[in-house]
C-alpha atoms as a PDB file:
ATOM      1  CA  MET A   1     109.539  85.469  85.030  1.00  0.00           C
ATOM      2  CA  VAL A   2     108.668  85.709  88.715  1.00  0.00           C
ATOM      3  CA  PRO A   3     108.132  89.236  90.523  1.00  0.00           C
ATOM      4  CA  GLN A   4     111.163  90.804  91.977  1.00  0.00           C
ATOM      5  CA  LEU A   5     111.842  93.802  94.124  1.00  0.00           C
ATOM      6  CA  ILE A   6     112.902  96.415  91.946  1.00  0.00           C
ATOM      7  CA  TYR A   7     113.457  99.069  94.784  1.00  0.00           C
ATOM      8  CA  PRO A   8     114.597  97.050  97.761  1.00  0.00           C
ATOM      9  CA  ASP A   9     115.784 100.053  99.837  1.00  0.00           C
ATOM     10  CA  LEU A  10     112.378 101.701  99.706  1.00  0.00           C
ATOM     11  CA  ILE A  11     110.848 102.231 103.192  1.00  0.00           C
ATOM     12  CA  ASN A  12     107.453 101.401 103.981  1.00  0.00           C
ATOM     13  CA  PRO A  13     105.492 104.066 105.731  1.00  0.00           C
ATOM     14  CA  GLY A  14     105.059 103.956 109.457  1.00  0.00           C
ATOM     15  CA  PRO A  15     102.660 105.199 111.815  1.00  0.00           C
ATOM     16  CA  ARG A  16     103.407 108.880 111.055  1.00  0.00           C
ATOM     17  CA  ILE A  17     101.550 108.453 107.828  1.00  0.00           C
ATOM     18  CA  PHE A  18      98.249 108.661 109.922  1.00  0.00           C
ATOM     19  CA  GLU A  19      99.151 112.545 110.586  1.00  0.00           C
ATOM     20  CA  GLN A  20      97.455 114.860 108.188  1.00  0.00           C
ATOM     21  CA  GLY A  21      99.724 116.275 105.769  1.00  0.00           C
ATOM     22  CA  ALA A  22     102.540 113.662 106.456  1.00  0.00           C
ATOM     23  CA  LEU A  23     102.224 112.306 102.842  1.00  0.00           C
ATOM     24  CA  GLN A  24     105.566 112.275 101.002  1.00  0.00           C
ATOM     25  CA  PRO A  25     106.388 111.363  97.435  1.00  0.00           C
ATOM     26  CA  ASP A  26     108.188 108.141  98.385  1.00  0.00           C
ATOM     27  CA  ASP A  27     105.069 107.105 100.441  1.00  0.00           C
ATOM     28  CA  ILE A  28     102.971 106.978  97.315  1.00  0.00           C
ATOM     29  CA  LEU A  29     105.656 104.745  95.576  1.00  0.00           C
ATOM     30  CA  ALA A  30     105.764 102.624  98.840  1.00  0.00           C
ATOM     31  CA  PHE A  31     102.003 102.099  98.729  1.00  0.00           C
ATOM     32  CA  ASP A  32     102.073 101.230  95.077  1.00  0.00           C
ATOM     33  CA  ARG A  33     104.802  98.892  95.726  1.00  0.00           C
ATOM     34  CA  MET A  34     103.098  97.362  98.745  1.00  0.00           C
ATOM     35  CA  ALA A  35     100.037  96.776  96.736  1.00  0.00           C
ATOM     36  CA  ALA A  36     101.842  95.311  93.755  1.00  0.00           C
ATOM     37  CA  ASP A  37     103.817  92.822  96.223  1.00  0.00           C
ATOM     38  CA  ALA A  38     100.306  91.813  97.891  1.00  0.00           C
ATOM     39  CA  TRP A  39      98.595  91.338  94.657  1.00  0.00           C
ATOM     40  CA  PRO A  40     101.494  89.869  92.512  1.00  0.00           C
ATOM     41  CA  ALA A  41     101.359  89.138  88.722  1.00  0.00           C
ATOM     42  CA  PRO A  42     102.597  85.628  88.125  1.00  0.00           C
ATOM     43  CA  TYR A  43     104.804  87.026  85.487  1.00  0.00           C
ATOM     44  CA  VAL A  44     106.930  90.358  85.698  1.00  0.00           C
ATOM     45  CA  THR A  45     109.479  91.849  83.268  1.00  0.00           C
ATOM     46  CA  ASN A  46     111.567  94.831  84.458  1.00  0.00           C
ATOM     47  CA  LEU A  47     111.826  97.513  81.526  1.00  0.00           C
ATOM     48  CA  ASP A  48     114.273 100.195  83.056  1.00  0.00           C
ATOM     49  CA  GLY A  49     112.236 100.341  86.202  1.00  0.00           C
ATOM     50  CA  TRP A  50     108.769  99.900  84.800  1.00  0.00           C
ATOM     51  CA  ALA A  51     107.295  96.519  85.853  1.00  0.00           C
ATOM     52  CA  LEU A  52     105.433  94.923  83.036  1.00  0.00           C
ATOM     53  CA  ARG A  53     103.013  92.687  84.766  1.00  0.00           C
ATOM     54  CA  TYR A  54     100.992  89.727  83.208  1.00  0.00           C
ATOM     55  CA  GLY A  55      98.598  87.629  84.976  1.00  0.00           C
ATOM     56  CA  GLU A  56      96.749  85.954  82.356  1.00  0.00           C
ATOM     57  CA  GLY A  57      94.141  88.570  82.231  1.00  0.00           C
ATOM     58  CA  VAL A  58      92.886  88.272  85.714  1.00  0.00           C
ATOM     59  CA  SER A  59      92.537  91.935  87.267  1.00  0.00           C
ATOM     60  CA  ARG A  60      93.904  95.017  85.850  1.00  0.00           C
ATOM     61  CA  ARG A  61      96.533  95.406  88.415  1.00  0.00           C
ATOM     62  CA  ALA A  62      98.248  91.957  87.478  1.00  0.00           C
ATOM     63  CA  ASN A  63      98.146  92.860  83.778  1.00  0.00           C
ATOM     64  CA  SER A  64      99.286  96.359  83.424  1.00  0.00           C
ATOM     65  CA  VAL A  65     102.602  98.386  83.521  1.00  0.00           C
ATOM     66  CA  ALA A  66     103.541  99.847  86.975  1.00  0.00           C
ATOM     67  CA  PRO A  67     105.522 102.905  85.505  1.00  0.00           C
ATOM     68  CA  TRP A  68     107.793 103.263  88.567  1.00  0.00           C
ATOM     69  CA  PRO A  69     110.891 105.609  88.320  1.00  0.00           C
ATOM     70  CA  SER A  70     113.670 104.658  86.083  1.00  0.00           C
ATOM     71  CA  THR A  71     116.567 102.573  87.457  1.00  0.00           C
ATOM     72  CA  THR A  72     118.953 103.438  84.457  1.00  0.00           C
ATOM     73  CA  GLY A  73     117.342 106.034  82.355  1.00  0.00           C
ATOM     74  CA  GLY A  74     118.494 104.090  79.369  1.00  0.00           C
ATOM     75  CA  HIS A  75     115.183 104.200  77.258  1.00  0.00           C
ATOM     76  CA  ALA A  76     113.422 107.096  75.401  1.00  0.00           C
ATOM     77  CA  LEU A  77     110.007 107.409  76.430  1.00  0.00           C
ATOM     78  CA  ILE A  78     108.321 106.551  73.302  1.00  0.00           C
ATOM     79  CA  ASP A  79     110.549 103.615  72.806  1.00  0.00           C
ATOM     80  CA  GLN A  80     109.675 102.341  76.292  1.00  0.00           C
ATOM     81  CA  ILE A  81     105.933 102.808  75.714  1.00  0.00           C
ATOM     82  CA  GLU A  82     106.224 100.764  72.387  1.00  0.00           C
ATOM     83  CA  ALA A  83     108.027  97.934  74.062  1.00  0.00           C
ATOM     84  CA  ALA A  84     105.417  97.720  76.685  1.00  0.00           C
ATOM     85  CA  GLU A  85     102.774  97.801  74.085  1.00  0.00           C
ATOM     86  CA  ARG A  86     104.412  94.892  72.103  1.00  0.00           C
ATOM     87  CA  PHE A  87     104.586  93.069  75.507  1.00  0.00           C
ATOM     88  CA  TYR A  88     100.788  93.168  75.865  1.00  0.00           C
ATOM     89  CA  GLN A  89      99.779  92.767  72.431  1.00  0.00           C
ATOM     90  CA  ASP A  90     102.067  89.543  72.043  1.00  0.00           C
ATOM     91  CA  ARG A  91      99.840  88.104  74.918  1.00  0.00           C
ATOM     92  CA  ASN A  92      96.445  89.165  73.371  1.00  0.00           C
ATOM     93  CA  LEU A  93      95.868  91.831  75.992  1.00  0.00           C
ATOM     94  CA  PRO A  94      95.374  95.622  75.604  1.00  0.00           C
ATOM     95  CA  PRO A  95      98.303  97.690  76.677  1.00  0.00           C
ATOM     96  CA  ARG A  96      97.442  99.180  80.118  1.00  0.00           C
ATOM     97  CA  PHE A  97      99.415 101.431  82.515  1.00  0.00           C
ATOM     98  CA  GLN A  98      98.425 102.097  86.238  1.00  0.00           C
ATOM     99  CA  VAL A  99      98.923 105.877  86.579  1.00  0.00           C
ATOM    100  CA  SER A 100      99.448 107.213  90.177  1.00  0.00           C
ATOM    101  CA  PRO A 101     101.249 110.243  91.238  1.00  0.00           C
ATOM    102  CA  ALA A 102     104.390 108.206  91.491  1.00  0.00           C
ATOM    103  CA  ALA A 103     104.374 107.408  87.852  1.00  0.00           C
ATOM    104  CA  GLU A 104     107.358 108.437  85.808  1.00  0.00           C
ATOM    105  CA  PRO A 105     108.381 110.307  83.698  1.00  0.00           C
ATOM    106  CA  ASP A 106     106.008 113.279  84.209  1.00  0.00           C
ATOM    107  CA  ALA A 107     105.177 113.310  80.509  1.00  0.00           C
ATOM    108  CA  LEU A 108     103.892 109.779  80.636  1.00  0.00           C
ATOM    109  CA  ASP A 109     100.270 110.409  81.137  1.00  0.00           C
ATOM    110  CA  GLU A 110     100.091 113.096  78.523  1.00  0.00           C
ATOM    111  CA  GLU A 111     101.753 110.883  75.982  1.00  0.00           C
ATOM    112  CA  LEU A 112      99.480 108.070  76.661  1.00  0.00           C
ATOM    113  CA  SER A 113      96.603 110.444  76.047  1.00  0.00           C
ATOM    114  CA  ILE A 114      97.994 111.465  72.742  1.00  0.00           C
ATOM    115  CA  ARG A 115      98.398 107.834  71.668  1.00  0.00           C
ATOM    116  CA  GLY A 116      94.747 107.098  72.352  1.00  0.00           C
ATOM    117  CA  TYR A 117      94.887 105.526  75.840  1.00  0.00           C
ATOM    118  CA  GLU A 118      91.594 106.008  77.662  1.00  0.00           C
ATOM    119  CA  ILE A 119      91.249 106.543  81.359  1.00  0.00           C
ATOM    120  CA  GLU A 120      89.632 103.494  83.147  1.00  0.00           C
ATOM    121  CA  ALA A 121      88.537 102.584  86.718  1.00  0.00           C
ATOM    122  CA  PRO A 122      89.752 105.783  88.681  1.00  0.00           C
ATOM    123  CA  VAL A 123      90.207 104.615  92.267  1.00  0.00           C
ATOM    124  CA  THR A 124      91.131 106.168  95.643  1.00  0.00           C
ATOM    125  CA  LEU A 125      93.619 104.718  98.029  1.00  0.00           C
ATOM    126  CA  MET A 126      92.417 104.862 101.644  1.00  0.00           C
ATOM    127  CA  ILE A 127      94.166 104.155 104.825  1.00  0.00           C
ATOM    128  CA  ALA A 128      92.970 103.676 108.406  1.00  0.00           C
ATOM    129  CA  ASP A 129      94.894 103.030 111.778  1.00  0.00           C
ATOM    130  CA  VAL A 130      94.045  99.381 112.743  1.00  0.00           C
ATOM    131  CA  HIS A 131      92.926 100.544 116.354  1.00  0.00           C
ATOM    132  CA  ASP A 132      90.555 103.015 114.755  1.00  0.00           C
ATOM    133  CA  VAL A 133      88.746 100.078 112.641  1.00  0.00           C
ATOM    134  CA  ILE A 134      88.334  98.100 115.717  1.00  0.00           C
ATOM    135  CA  LYS A 135      87.152 101.148 117.769  1.00  0.00           C
ATOM    136  CA  ASN A 136      84.659 102.159 114.956  1.00  0.00           C
ATOM    137  CA  THR A 137      82.960  98.745 114.782  1.00  0.00           C
ATOM    138  CA  VAL A 138      81.034  96.477 117.078  1.00  0.00           C
ATOM    139  CA  ASP A 139      81.401  92.998 117.958  1.00  0.00           C
ATOM    140  CA  ASP A 140      78.237  92.239 119.764  1.00  0.00           C
ATOM    141  CA  ALA A 141      77.247  89.612 117.135  1.00  0.00           C
ATOM    142  CA  PRO A 142      80.434  88.596 115.270  1.00  0.00           C
ATOM    143  CA  MET A 143      79.880  86.379 112.190  1.00  0.00           C
ATOM    144  CA  THR A 144      83.304  86.384 110.623  1.00  0.00           C
ATOM    145  CA  GLN A 145      86.075  83.711 110.798  1.00  0.00           C
ATOM    146  CA  VAL A 146      89.445  84.604 109.587  1.00  0.00           C
ATOM    147  CA  SER A 147      92.246  82.066 108.679  1.00  0.00           C
ATOM    148  CA  GLY A 148      95.669  81.982 106.950  1.00  0.00           C
ATOM    149  CA  THR A 149      94.351  79.539 104.344  1.00  0.00           C
ATOM    150  CA  ALA A 150      91.330  79.645 102.227  1.00  0.00           C
ATOM    151  CA  PRO A 151      88.593  77.331 103.714  1.00  0.00           C
ATOM    152  CA  ASP A 152      86.774  75.077 101.794  1.00  0.00           C
ATOM    153  CA  GLY A 153      84.335  76.984  99.177  1.00  0.00           C
ATOM    154  CA  TRP A 154      85.962  80.224  99.778  1.00  0.00           C
ATOM    155  CA  TRP A 155      87.204  80.582  96.549  1.00  0.00           C
ATOM    156  CA  ASN A 156      83.907  79.561  95.024  1.00  0.00           C
ATOM    157  CA  LEU A 157      82.349  82.582  96.824  1.00  0.00           C
ATOM    158  CA  TYR A 158      85.000  84.749  95.386  1.00  0.00           C
ATOM    159  CA  VAL A 159      84.334  83.897  91.812  1.00  0.00           C
ATOM    160  CA  GLU A 160      80.607  84.240  92.588  1.00  0.00           C
ATOM    161  CA  GLY A 161      81.140  87.698  93.819  1.00  0.00           C
ATOM    162  CA  PHE A 162      83.995  89.066  91.341  1.00  0.00           C
ATOM    163  CA  ASN A 163      83.586  86.589  88.352  1.00  0.00           C
ATOM    164  CA  ARG A 164      87.175  85.802  88.294  1.00  0.00           C
ATOM    165  CA  ASP A 165      89.524  83.390  89.947  1.00  0.00           C
ATOM    166  CA  ALA A 166      92.330  85.097  91.586  1.00  0.00           C
ATOM    167  CA  SER A 167      93.794  82.132  93.479  1.00  0.00           C
ATOM    168  CA  LYS A 168      96.875  82.002  91.329  1.00  0.00           C
ATOM    169  CA  VAL A 169      97.559  85.522  91.909  1.00  0.00           C
ATOM    170  CA  ILE A 170      97.384  85.155  95.607  1.00  0.00           C
ATOM    171  CA  SER A 171      99.429  81.989  95.713  1.00  0.00           C
ATOM    172  CA  GLY A 172     102.309  84.011  94.504  1.00  0.00           C
ATOM    173  CA  ALA A 173     102.092  86.598  97.204  1.00  0.00           C
ATOM    174  CA  THR A 174     105.096  86.819  99.462  1.00  0.00           C
ATOM    175  CA  ASP A 175     103.000  88.489 102.101  1.00  0.00           C
ATOM    176  CA  CYS A 176     100.577  86.559 104.212  1.00  0.00           C
ATOM    177  CA  PRO A 177      96.967  86.369 103.028  1.00  0.00           C
ATOM    178  CA  GLN A 178      94.153  86.479 105.446  1.00  0.00           C
ATOM    179  CA  PHE A 179      90.910  84.914 104.449  1.00  0.00           C
ATOM    180  CA  ALA A 180      87.665  86.165 105.995  1.00  0.00           C
ATOM    181  CA  THR A 181      84.386  84.377 105.876  1.00  0.00           C
ATOM    182  CA  ALA A 182      81.063  85.678 107.119  1.00  0.00           C
ATOM    183  CA  ILE A 183      78.954  82.633 108.302  1.00  0.00           C
ATOM    184  CA  ASP A 184      75.157  82.461 108.607  1.00  0.00           C
ATOM    185  CA  SER A 185      74.802  80.908 112.000  1.00  0.00           C
ATOM    186  CA  SER A 186      71.187  79.426 110.935  1.00  0.00           C
ATOM    187  CA  ASP A 187      72.742  77.017 108.489  1.00  0.00           C
ATOM    188  CA  ASP A 188      76.579  77.501 108.544  1.00  0.00           C
ATOM    189  CA  THR A 189      76.695  78.855 105.071  1.00  0.00           C
ATOM    190  CA  GLY A 190      79.016  81.551 103.800  1.00  0.00           C
ATOM    191  CA  VAL A 191      77.380  84.898 102.997  1.00  0.00           C
ATOM    192  CA  GLY A 192      80.317  87.183 102.585  1.00  0.00           C
ATOM    193  CA  ILE A 193      84.089  87.133 102.113  1.00  0.00           C
ATOM    194  CA  GLY A 194      86.993  89.403 102.567  1.00  0.00           C
ATOM    195  CA  LEU A 195      90.610  89.150 101.541  1.00  0.00           C
ATOM    196  CA  GLY A 196      93.429  90.717 103.291  1.00  0.00           C
ATOM    197  CA  VAL A 197      97.116  90.561 102.900  1.00  0.00           C
ATOM    198  CA  LEU A 198      99.416  91.579 105.497  1.00  0.00           C
ATOM    199  CA  ASN A 199     103.129  92.495 104.943  1.00  0.00           C
ATOM    200  CA  ASN A 200     106.063  92.449 107.169  1.00  0.00           C
ATOM    201  CA  ALA A 201     105.939  96.252 107.651  1.00  0.00           C
ATOM    202  CA  GLY A 202     102.443  95.802 109.365  1.00  0.00           C
ATOM    203  CA  TRP A 203     100.191  96.962 106.723  1.00  0.00           C
ATOM    204  CA  LEU A 204      97.172  95.060 105.811  1.00  0.00           C
ATOM    205  CA  GLY A 205      95.848  95.449 102.208  1.00  0.00           C
ATOM    206  CA  ILE A 206      92.330  94.751 101.503  1.00  0.00           C
ATOM    207  CA  PHE A 207      91.898  93.171  98.162  1.00  0.00           C
ATOM    208  CA  GLY A 208      88.307  91.827  98.038  1.00  0.00           C
ATOM    209  CA  MET A 209      85.140  92.451 100.037  1.00  0.00           C
ATOM    210  CA  TRP A 210      81.819  90.820  98.818  1.00  0.00           C
ATOM    211  CA  THR A 211      78.547  90.281 100.656  1.00  0.00           C
ATOM    212  CA  HIS A 212      75.682  87.938  99.244  1.00  0.00           C
ATOM    213  CA  PRO A 213      73.202  90.569  97.590  1.00  0.00           C
ATOM    214  CA  GLU A 214      70.333  89.165  99.776  1.00  0.00           C
ATOM    215  CA  ARG A 215      72.389  89.983 103.016  1.00  0.00           C
ATOM    216  CA  ARG A 216      73.697  93.436 102.156  1.00  0.00           C
ATOM    217  CA  SER A 217      72.943  96.607 104.429  1.00  0.00           C
ATOM    218  CA  GLN A 218      73.285  94.242 107.551  1.00  0.00           C
ATOM    219  CA  GLY A 219      76.687  95.200 108.746  1.00  0.00           C
ATOM    220  CA  ILE A 220      78.396  92.201 107.444  1.00  0.00           C
ATOM    221  CA  GLY A 221      81.259  94.299 105.567  1.00  0.00           C
ATOM    222  CA  ALA A 222      82.017  96.188 108.731  1.00  0.00           C
ATOM    223  CA  ASP A 223      82.170  92.915 110.700  1.00  0.00           C
ATOM    224  CA  MET A 224      84.565  91.389 108.379  1.00  0.00           C
ATOM    225  CA  LEU A 225      86.877  94.457 108.293  1.00  0.00           C
ATOM    226  CA  ARG A 226      86.777  94.300 111.979  1.00  0.00           C
ATOM    227  CA  ALA A 227      87.740  90.683 112.057  1.00  0.00           C
ATOM    228  CA  LEU A 228      90.454  91.236 109.670  1.00  0.00           C
ATOM    229  CA  ALA A 229      91.764  93.981 111.683  1.00  0.00           C
ATOM    230  CA  GLN A 230      91.508  92.121 115.114  1.00  0.00           C
ATOM    231  CA  ALA A 231      93.219  88.889 113.669  1.00  0.00           C
ATOM    232  CA  THR A 232      96.274  90.600 112.389  1.00  0.00           C
ATOM    233  CA  ILE A 233      96.818  93.320 115.116  1.00  0.00           C
ATOM    234  CA  ASP A 234      98.447  90.583 117.206  1.00  0.00           C
ATOM    235  CA  ASN A 235     100.840  89.970 114.218  1.00  0.00           C
ATOM    236  CA  GLY A 236     102.059  93.510 114.168  1.00  0.00           C
ATOM    237  CA  ALA A 237      99.425  95.276 111.976  1.00  0.00           C
ATOM    238  CA  ILE A 238      99.617  99.131 112.303  1.00  0.00           C
ATOM    239  CA  GLY A 239      97.163 100.020 109.499  1.00  0.00           C
ATOM    240  CA  LEU A 240      94.935  98.988 106.742  1.00  0.00           C
ATOM    241  CA  TYR A 241      94.858 100.319 103.152  1.00  0.00           C
ATOM    242  CA  LEU A 242      92.417  99.634 100.405  1.00  0.00           C
ATOM    243  CA  GLN A 243      91.559 100.875  97.005  1.00  0.00           C
ATOM    244  CA  VAL A 244      87.914 101.849  96.219  1.00  0.00           C
ATOM    245  CA  GLU A 245      86.575 103.064  92.981  1.00  0.00           C
ATOM    246  CA  ARG A 246      85.465 106.722  92.886  1.00  0.00           C
ATOM    247  CA  SER A 247      82.042 105.742  91.630  1.00  0.00           C
ATOM    248  CA  ASN A 248      81.404 103.555  94.632  1.00  0.00           C
ATOM    249  CA  SER A 249      80.078 106.310  96.958  1.00  0.00           C
ATOM    250  CA  GLY A 250      78.445 103.698  99.108  1.00  0.00           C
ATOM    251  CA  ALA A 251      81.654 101.793  99.795  1.00  0.00           C
ATOM    252  CA  GLN A 252      83.607 105.011 100.477  1.00  0.00           C
ATOM    253  CA  ARG A 253      80.863 106.127 103.069  1.00  0.00           C
ATOM    254  CA  LEU A 254      81.255 102.714 104.901  1.00  0.00           C
ATOM    255  CA  TYR A 255      85.081 103.017 104.877  1.00  0.00           C
ATOM    256  CA  GLN A 256      84.976 106.526 106.058  1.00  0.00           C
ATOM    257  CA  ARG A 257      82.783 105.715 108.853  1.00  0.00           C
ATOM    258  CA  LEU A 258      85.096 102.902 110.008  1.00  0.00           C
ATOM    259  CA  GLY A 259      88.127 105.309 110.060  1.00  0.00           C
ATOM    260  CA  PHE A 260      89.594 105.345 106.512  1.00  0.00           C
ATOM    261  CA  ARG A 261      90.720 108.497 104.875  1.00  0.00           C
ATOM    262  CA  PRO A 262      91.746 109.047 101.355  1.00  0.00           C
ATOM    263  CA  LEU A 263      95.536 109.321 100.816  1.00  0.00           C
ATOM    264  CA  TYR A 264      95.785 109.657  96.788  1.00  0.00           C
ATOM    265  CA  GLY A 265      94.049 108.457  93.640  1.00  0.00           C
ATOM    266  CA  TYR A 266      95.226 106.731  90.544  1.00  0.00           C
ATOM    267  CA  TYR A 267      93.633 105.399  87.278  1.00  0.00           C
ATOM    268  CA  TYR A 268      94.470 103.042  84.447  1.00  0.00           C
ATOM    269  CA  ARG A 269      94.992 104.016  80.947  1.00  0.00           C
ATOM    270  CA  THR A 270      94.202 101.478  78.283  1.00  0.00           C
ATOM    271  CA  LEU A 271      94.759 101.189  74.701  1.00  0.00           C
ATOM    272  CA  TRP A 272      91.692  99.447  73.347  1.00  0.00           C
ATOM    273  CA  PRO A 273      91.902  97.481  70.058  1.00  0.00           C
END
């Protein structure tokens, strides 16, 4: 079953979101939805508004429940959780929920805790105005090339950096992937990669930044973010968003220096065998 828009009338946030204090409940749901569309599970089942996502185990997002608001109100919470558990257990995966402030119903997180679900991978979603990212970076020695298709060897670098192959996930995106590659000019080899996905509302999601360990702390990550922002601004990009694990303080400092600010947090709850 292919992904489908469950809330087609949801409006994606515009430039007002960059104003402090402008966050609305629908904005959180919109960002959750945008990220799900940009990183789509190959298979999705709708369970009364919840999206049961399955991607053969590649990434938490593509193999977890997105507990969005009910579309019919036709299921009791316990019945709905148990149906979701059967969905993943039948596919030999642990049941997992992505719990953000948009998760519904309100009692969900407490009930998952009672059932033994453990918190996993707390992250912060951060946003930045595309012009701020360009302004806060330098282009005196650009190394990054950006293209709409993955260059030869790009996915090999991705697998080296993330120990997984997400090419099938990205191939199903209805938005526009942007593949950044940092090139070492001395031998034309790739030393870093970045993955962005631009939607038609002008938001560029960042879903993978990796630099070869021997080339870190040399400004390559900032250069790739600048290149992605610059390449997409001509296509209507207004902002960037990304998710960074709360334990990764170094990455958070880099993103804040480039103009990103935290918007909200979420985590996964997983029922381990």
